[in-house]
Amino acid sequence: MFDDDEPMTCDNGDLQNELENYLKQKPDPTVRDTEVLSWWKAHSHEFPHLYRMALNYHTIPGEYVIHFEDIYSDPY
């Protein structure tokens, strides 16, 4: 999943076209139980830049979750 950690380069037109193509897709009702990262991996060839963005967004280290819970836990 993280094999291709090299920085990607693209012009804004490529990314704009990729985003437009993604947004034009109709949701597939048969893909209910698929994990988000699995879907992005399966479609990484169609949306390479959005795939990399999804990895950055959806792979938050657990330590941040624990820290977030500590902030909002009731100390009393």
C-alpha atoms as a PDB file:
ATOM      1  CA  MET A   1       0.000   0.000   0.000  1.00  0.00           C
ATOM      2  CA  PHE A   2       2.831   2.405   0.826  1.00  0.00           C
ATOM      3  CA  ASP A   3       5.213   1.068  -1.808  1.00  0.00           C
ATOM      4  CA  ASP A   4       5.179   4.248  -3.839  1.00  0.00           C
ATOM      5  CA  ASP A   5       6.228   6.869  -1.301  1.00  0.00           C
ATOM      6  CA  GLU A   6       7.940   8.992  -3.935  1.00  0.00           C
ATOM      7  CA  PRO A   7       6.471  12.482  -4.312  1.00  0.00           C
ATOM      8  CA  MET A   8       4.097  12.813  -7.242  1.00  0.00           C
ATOM      9  CA  THR A   9       4.081  15.751  -9.569  1.00  0.00           C
ATOM     10  CA  CYS A  10       1.223  16.889 -11.747  1.00  0.00           C
ATOM     11  CA  ASP A  11      -0.132  20.049 -13.209  1.00  0.00           C
ATOM     12  CA  ASN A  12      -3.413  21.463 -11.956  1.00  0.00           C
ATOM     13  CA  GLY A  13      -5.196  20.371 -15.136  1.00  0.00           C
ATOM     14  CA  ASP A  14      -4.397  16.692 -14.500  1.00  0.00           C
ATOM     15  CA  LEU A  15      -5.638  16.865 -10.935  1.00  0.00           C
ATOM     16  CA  GLN A  16      -8.737  18.818 -11.978  1.00  0.00           C
ATOM     17  CA  ASN A  17      -9.599  16.196 -14.624  1.00  0.00           C
ATOM     18  CA  GLU A  18      -9.001  13.385 -12.142  1.00  0.00           C
ATOM     19  CA  LEU A  19     -11.272  15.035  -9.594  1.00  0.00           C
ATOM     20  CA  GLU A  20     -13.996  15.670 -12.173  1.00  0.00           C
ATOM     21  CA  ASN A  21     -13.868  12.037 -13.314  1.00  0.00           C
ATOM     22  CA  TYR A  22     -14.112  10.848  -9.715  1.00  0.00           C
ATOM     23  CA  LEU A  23     -17.082  13.094  -8.987  1.00  0.00           C
ATOM     24  CA  LYS A  24     -18.885  11.924 -12.138  1.00  0.00           C
ATOM     25  CA  GLN A  25     -18.838   8.312 -10.957  1.00  0.00           C
ATOM     26  CA  LYS A  26     -22.105   6.958  -9.658  1.00  0.00           C
ATOM     27  CA  PRO A  27     -21.934   5.107  -6.342  1.00  0.00           C
ATOM     28  CA  ASP A  28     -21.917   1.338  -6.689  1.00  0.00           C
ATOM     29  CA  PRO A  29     -24.610  -0.031  -4.348  1.00  0.00           C
ATOM     30  CA  THR A  30     -22.926  -3.444  -4.248  1.00  0.00           C
ATOM     31  CA  VAL A  31     -19.805  -2.042  -2.578  1.00  0.00           C
ATOM     32  CA  ARG A  32     -21.249  -1.575   0.893  1.00  0.00           C
ATOM     33  CA  ASP A  33     -18.813  -3.570   2.989  1.00  0.00           C
ATOM     34  CA  THR A  34     -15.631  -2.530   1.243  1.00  0.00           C
ATOM     35  CA  GLU A  35     -13.133  -0.697   3.368  1.00  0.00           C
ATOM     36  CA  VAL A  36     -12.300   2.791   2.221  1.00  0.00           C
ATOM     37  CA  LEU A  37      -8.592   2.122   1.704  1.00  0.00           C
ATOM     38  CA  SER A  38      -9.337  -1.083  -0.204  1.00  0.00           C
ATOM     39  CA  TRP A  39     -11.564   0.854  -2.595  1.00  0.00           C
ATOM     40  CA  TRP A  40      -8.903   3.490  -3.161  1.00  0.00           C
ATOM     41  CA  LYS A  41      -6.235   0.820  -3.726  1.00  0.00           C
ATOM     42  CA  ALA A  42      -8.454  -0.908  -6.305  1.00  0.00           C
ATOM     43  CA  HIS A  43      -9.005   2.403  -8.121  1.00  0.00           C
ATOM     44  CA  SER A  44      -5.496   3.818  -7.711  1.00  0.00           C
ATOM     45  CA  HIS A  45      -4.776   3.442 -11.437  1.00  0.00           C
ATOM     46  CA  GLU A  46      -7.812   5.606 -12.267  1.00  0.00           C
ATOM     47  CA  PHE A  47      -7.207   8.232  -9.595  1.00  0.00           C
ATOM     48  CA  PRO A  48      -3.504   8.160  -8.669  1.00  0.00           C
ATOM     49  CA  HIS A  49      -3.367  11.623  -7.105  1.00  0.00           C
ATOM     50  CA  LEU A  50      -6.630  11.262  -5.203  1.00  0.00           C
ATOM     51  CA  TYR A  51      -5.462   7.833  -4.029  1.00  0.00           C
ATOM     52  CA  ARG A  52      -2.344   9.372  -2.486  1.00  0.00           C
ATOM     53  CA  MET A  53      -4.456  12.076  -0.861  1.00  0.00           C
ATOM     54  CA  ALA A  54      -6.830   9.418   0.520  1.00  0.00           C
ATOM     55  CA  LEU A  55      -3.870   7.546   2.027  1.00  0.00           C
ATOM     56  CA  ASN A  56      -2.711  10.710   3.759  1.00  0.00           C
ATOM     57  CA  TYR A  57      -6.189  11.415   5.087  1.00  0.00           C
ATOM     58  CA  HIS A  58      -7.371   7.936   6.064  1.00  0.00           C
ATOM     59  CA  THR A  59      -4.184   6.595   7.653  1.00  0.00           C
ATOM     60  CA  ILE A  60      -3.995   8.600  10.872  1.00  0.00           C
ATOM     61  CA  PRO A  61      -1.614   6.997  13.380  1.00  0.00           C
ATOM     62  CA  GLY A  62      -3.279   5.559  16.479  1.00  0.00           C
ATOM     63  CA  GLU A  63      -1.317   7.804  18.818  1.00  0.00           C
ATOM     64  CA  TYR A  64      -3.290  10.795  17.551  1.00  0.00           C
ATOM     65  CA  VAL A  65      -6.575   9.057  18.289  1.00  0.00           C
ATOM     66  CA  ILE A  66      -5.455   8.319  21.831  1.00  0.00           C
ATOM     67  CA  HIS A  67      -4.331  11.914  22.261  1.00  0.00           C
ATOM     68  CA  PHE A  68      -7.688  13.162  20.940  1.00  0.00           C
ATOM     69  CA  GLU A  69      -9.555  10.963  23.431  1.00  0.00           C
ATOM     70  CA  ASP A  70      -7.369  12.193  26.278  1.00  0.00           C
ATOM     71  CA  ILE A  71      -8.228  15.784  25.463  1.00  0.00           C
ATOM     72  CA  TYR A  72     -11.962  15.201  25.636  1.00  0.00           C
ATOM     73  CA  SER A  73     -12.099  12.681  28.471  1.00  0.00           C
ATOM     74  CA  ASP A  74     -13.775  13.721  31.703  1.00  0.00           C
ATOM     75  CA  PRO A  75     -11.086  14.001  34.414  1.00  0.00           C
ATOM     76  CA  TYR A  76     -13.653  13.785  37.242  1.00  0.00           C
END
